[in-house]
Amino acid sequence: MSYYGGAMVYSVMVVLAIFCIMLQRHSLLGILLGFEVFSLVLFYIFVGVFGAMQKSVGLSLVFLCLEVCVMSVCLGLMVKLVGVSGSDYVGACSLSDNF
């Protein structure tokens, strides 16, 4: 694939990931899944651009490990939100006095 074709594919993937996040503004689970898609797109771009280098493998594994840690913390916060307010609707945070 040529350089411009690859850049076009990466650009479309980033735009679709951002579009996925913007459509799920009201559901916290949808937002978290959108950010996960965005991080996987960034990982794909990183591997695609620096794929010929051997040191990129270690950096990409560190990136994926950090991404798993961030998503587990976010999932824990979402479980707490659902336990307190009863739904994952983002606007429910302002309606609940217990959170």
C-alpha atoms as a PDB file:
ATOM      1  CA  MET A   1       0.000   0.000   0.000  1.00  0.00           C
ATOM      2  CA  SER A   2       1.330   3.391  -0.891  1.00  0.00           C
ATOM      3  CA  TYR A   3       2.008   6.054   1.694  1.00  0.00           C
ATOM      4  CA  TYR A   4      -1.021   8.151   0.743  1.00  0.00           C
ATOM      5  CA  GLY A   5      -3.324   5.137   0.683  1.00  0.00           C
ATOM      6  CA  GLY A   6      -2.179   4.139   4.160  1.00  0.00           C
ATOM      7  CA  ALA A   7      -2.574   7.679   5.458  1.00  0.00           C
ATOM      8  CA  MET A   8      -6.093   7.775   4.038  1.00  0.00           C
ATOM      9  CA  VAL A   9      -7.016   4.503   5.759  1.00  0.00           C
ATOM     10  CA  TYR A  10      -5.597   5.755   9.074  1.00  0.00           C
ATOM     11  CA  SER A  11      -7.465   9.054   8.719  1.00  0.00           C
ATOM     12  CA  VAL A  12     -10.758   7.301   8.025  1.00  0.00           C
ATOM     13  CA  MET A  13     -10.244   5.018  11.026  1.00  0.00           C
ATOM     14  CA  VAL A  14      -9.554   7.976  13.347  1.00  0.00           C
ATOM     15  CA  VAL A  15     -12.596   9.874  12.060  1.00  0.00           C
ATOM     16  CA  LEU A  16     -14.830   6.819  12.530  1.00  0.00           C
ATOM     17  CA  ALA A  17     -13.528   6.292  16.068  1.00  0.00           C
ATOM     18  CA  ILE A  18     -14.206   9.926  16.983  1.00  0.00           C
ATOM     19  CA  PHE A  19     -17.631   9.697  15.335  1.00  0.00           C
ATOM     20  CA  CYS A  20     -18.356   6.582  17.426  1.00  0.00           C
ATOM     21  CA  ILE A  21     -17.514   8.509  20.613  1.00  0.00           C
ATOM     22  CA  MET A  22     -19.609  11.514  19.611  1.00  0.00           C
ATOM     23  CA  LEU A  23     -22.710   9.414  18.897  1.00  0.00           C
ATOM     24  CA  GLN A  24     -22.613   7.783  22.347  1.00  0.00           C
ATOM     25  CA  ARG A  25     -22.699  10.955  24.437  1.00  0.00           C
ATOM     26  CA  HIS A  26     -25.377   9.807  26.872  1.00  0.00           C
ATOM     27  CA  SER A  27     -24.274   6.280  27.745  1.00  0.00           C
ATOM     28  CA  LEU A  28     -21.093   5.885  29.766  1.00  0.00           C
ATOM     29  CA  LEU A  29     -20.549   2.344  28.478  1.00  0.00           C
ATOM     30  CA  GLY A  30     -20.823   3.598  24.900  1.00  0.00           C
ATOM     31  CA  ILE A  31     -18.298   6.340  25.599  1.00  0.00           C
ATOM     32  CA  LEU A  32     -15.866   3.860  27.154  1.00  0.00           C
ATOM     33  CA  LEU A  33     -16.236   1.493  24.207  1.00  0.00           C
ATOM     34  CA  GLY A  34     -15.662   4.410  21.842  1.00  0.00           C
ATOM     35  CA  PHE A  35     -12.444   5.307  23.639  1.00  0.00           C
ATOM     36  CA  GLU A  36     -11.390   1.659  23.440  1.00  0.00           C
ATOM     37  CA  VAL A  37     -11.964   1.697  19.677  1.00  0.00           C
ATOM     38  CA  PHE A  38      -9.985   4.945  19.432  1.00  0.00           C
ATOM     39  CA  SER A  39      -7.069   3.471  21.387  1.00  0.00           C
ATOM     40  CA  LEU A  40      -7.059   0.345  19.205  1.00  0.00           C
ATOM     41  CA  VAL A  41      -6.979   2.577  16.124  1.00  0.00           C
ATOM     42  CA  LEU A  42      -4.008   4.437  17.615  1.00  0.00           C
ATOM     43  CA  PHE A  43      -2.335   1.087  18.299  1.00  0.00           C
ATOM     44  CA  TYR A  44      -2.957  -0.009  14.707  1.00  0.00           C
ATOM     45  CA  ILE A  45      -1.480   3.242  13.398  1.00  0.00           C
ATOM     46  CA  PHE A  46       1.532   2.881  15.691  1.00  0.00           C
ATOM     47  CA  VAL A  47       2.206  -0.665  14.508  1.00  0.00           C
ATOM     48  CA  GLY A  48       1.603   0.315  10.881  1.00  0.00           C
ATOM     49  CA  VAL A  49       3.983   3.256  10.966  1.00  0.00           C
ATOM     50  CA  PHE A  50       6.723   1.761  13.129  1.00  0.00           C
ATOM     51  CA  GLY A  51       6.152  -1.905  12.226  1.00  0.00           C
ATOM     52  CA  ALA A  52       9.590  -2.459  10.708  1.00  0.00           C
ATOM     53  CA  MET A  53      11.376  -1.540  13.933  1.00  0.00           C
ATOM     54  CA  GLN A  54      11.891  -4.194  16.607  1.00  0.00           C
ATOM     55  CA  LYS A  55      11.699  -1.774  19.534  1.00  0.00           C
ATOM     56  CA  SER A  56       8.142  -0.814  18.649  1.00  0.00           C
ATOM     57  CA  VAL A  57       6.931  -4.232  19.801  1.00  0.00           C
ATOM     58  CA  GLY A  58       7.878  -3.498  23.406  1.00  0.00           C
ATOM     59  CA  LEU A  59       6.371  -0.026  23.285  1.00  0.00           C
ATOM     60  CA  SER A  60       3.161  -1.336  21.788  1.00  0.00           C
ATOM     61  CA  LEU A  61       2.837  -3.961  24.528  1.00  0.00           C
ATOM     62  CA  VAL A  62       3.344  -1.276  27.180  1.00  0.00           C
ATOM     63  CA  PHE A  63       0.688   0.842  25.452  1.00  0.00           C
ATOM     64  CA  LEU A  64      -1.783  -2.055  25.445  1.00  0.00           C
ATOM     65  CA  CYS A  65      -1.085  -2.847  29.119  1.00  0.00           C
ATOM     66  CA  LEU A  66      -1.681   0.772  30.112  1.00  0.00           C
ATOM     67  CA  GLU A  67      -4.847   0.806  28.034  1.00  0.00           C
ATOM     68  CA  VAL A  68      -6.149  -2.272  29.851  1.00  0.00           C
ATOM     69  CA  CYS A  69      -5.409  -0.616  33.213  1.00  0.00           C
ATOM     70  CA  VAL A  70      -7.221   2.576  32.241  1.00  0.00           C
ATOM     71  CA  MET A  71     -10.253   0.709  30.939  1.00  0.00           C
ATOM     72  CA  SER A  72     -10.467  -1.451  34.077  1.00  0.00           C
ATOM     73  CA  VAL A  73     -10.494   1.676  36.273  1.00  0.00           C
ATOM     74  CA  CYS A  74     -13.143   3.252  34.047  1.00  0.00           C
ATOM     75  CA  LEU A  75     -15.225   0.086  34.175  1.00  0.00           C
ATOM     76  CA  GLY A  76     -14.991   0.097  37.981  1.00  0.00           C
ATOM     77  CA  LEU A  77     -16.194   3.702  38.044  1.00  0.00           C
ATOM     78  CA  MET A  78     -19.059   2.794  35.740  1.00  0.00           C
ATOM     79  CA  VAL A  79     -20.083  -0.090  38.019  1.00  0.00           C
ATOM     80  CA  LYS A  80     -20.074   2.339  40.968  1.00  0.00           C
ATOM     81  CA  LEU A  81     -22.200   4.798  38.976  1.00  0.00           C
ATOM     82  CA  VAL A  82     -24.702   2.104  38.012  1.00  0.00           C
ATOM     83  CA  GLY A  83     -24.850   0.901  41.619  1.00  0.00           C
ATOM     84  CA  VAL A  84     -25.578   4.397  42.932  1.00  0.00           C
ATOM     85  CA  SER A  85     -27.856   5.827  40.273  1.00  0.00           C
ATOM     86  CA  GLY A  86     -29.314   2.696  38.689  1.00  0.00           C
ATOM     87  CA  SER A  87     -28.278   3.455  35.103  1.00  0.00           C
ATOM     88  CA  ASP A  88     -25.243   4.343  33.025  1.00  0.00           C
ATOM     89  CA  TYR A  89     -26.883   7.485  31.670  1.00  0.00           C
ATOM     90  CA  VAL A  90     -24.337  10.296  31.970  1.00  0.00           C
ATOM     91  CA  GLY A  91     -26.938  12.861  33.045  1.00  0.00           C
ATOM     92  CA  ALA A  92     -27.899  10.678  36.027  1.00  0.00           C
ATOM     93  CA  CYS A  93     -24.791  11.854  37.918  1.00  0.00           C
ATOM     94  CA  SER A  94     -26.277  15.291  38.439  1.00  0.00           C
ATOM     95  CA  LEU A  95     -29.635  13.850  39.525  1.00  0.00           C
ATOM     96  CA  SER A  96     -28.199  11.616  42.233  1.00  0.00           C
ATOM     97  CA  ASP A  97     -27.222  13.045  45.619  1.00  0.00           C
ATOM     98  CA  ASN A  98     -25.434   9.866  46.731  1.00  0.00           C
ATOM     99  CA  PHE A  99     -22.635   9.917  44.185  1.00  0.00           C
END
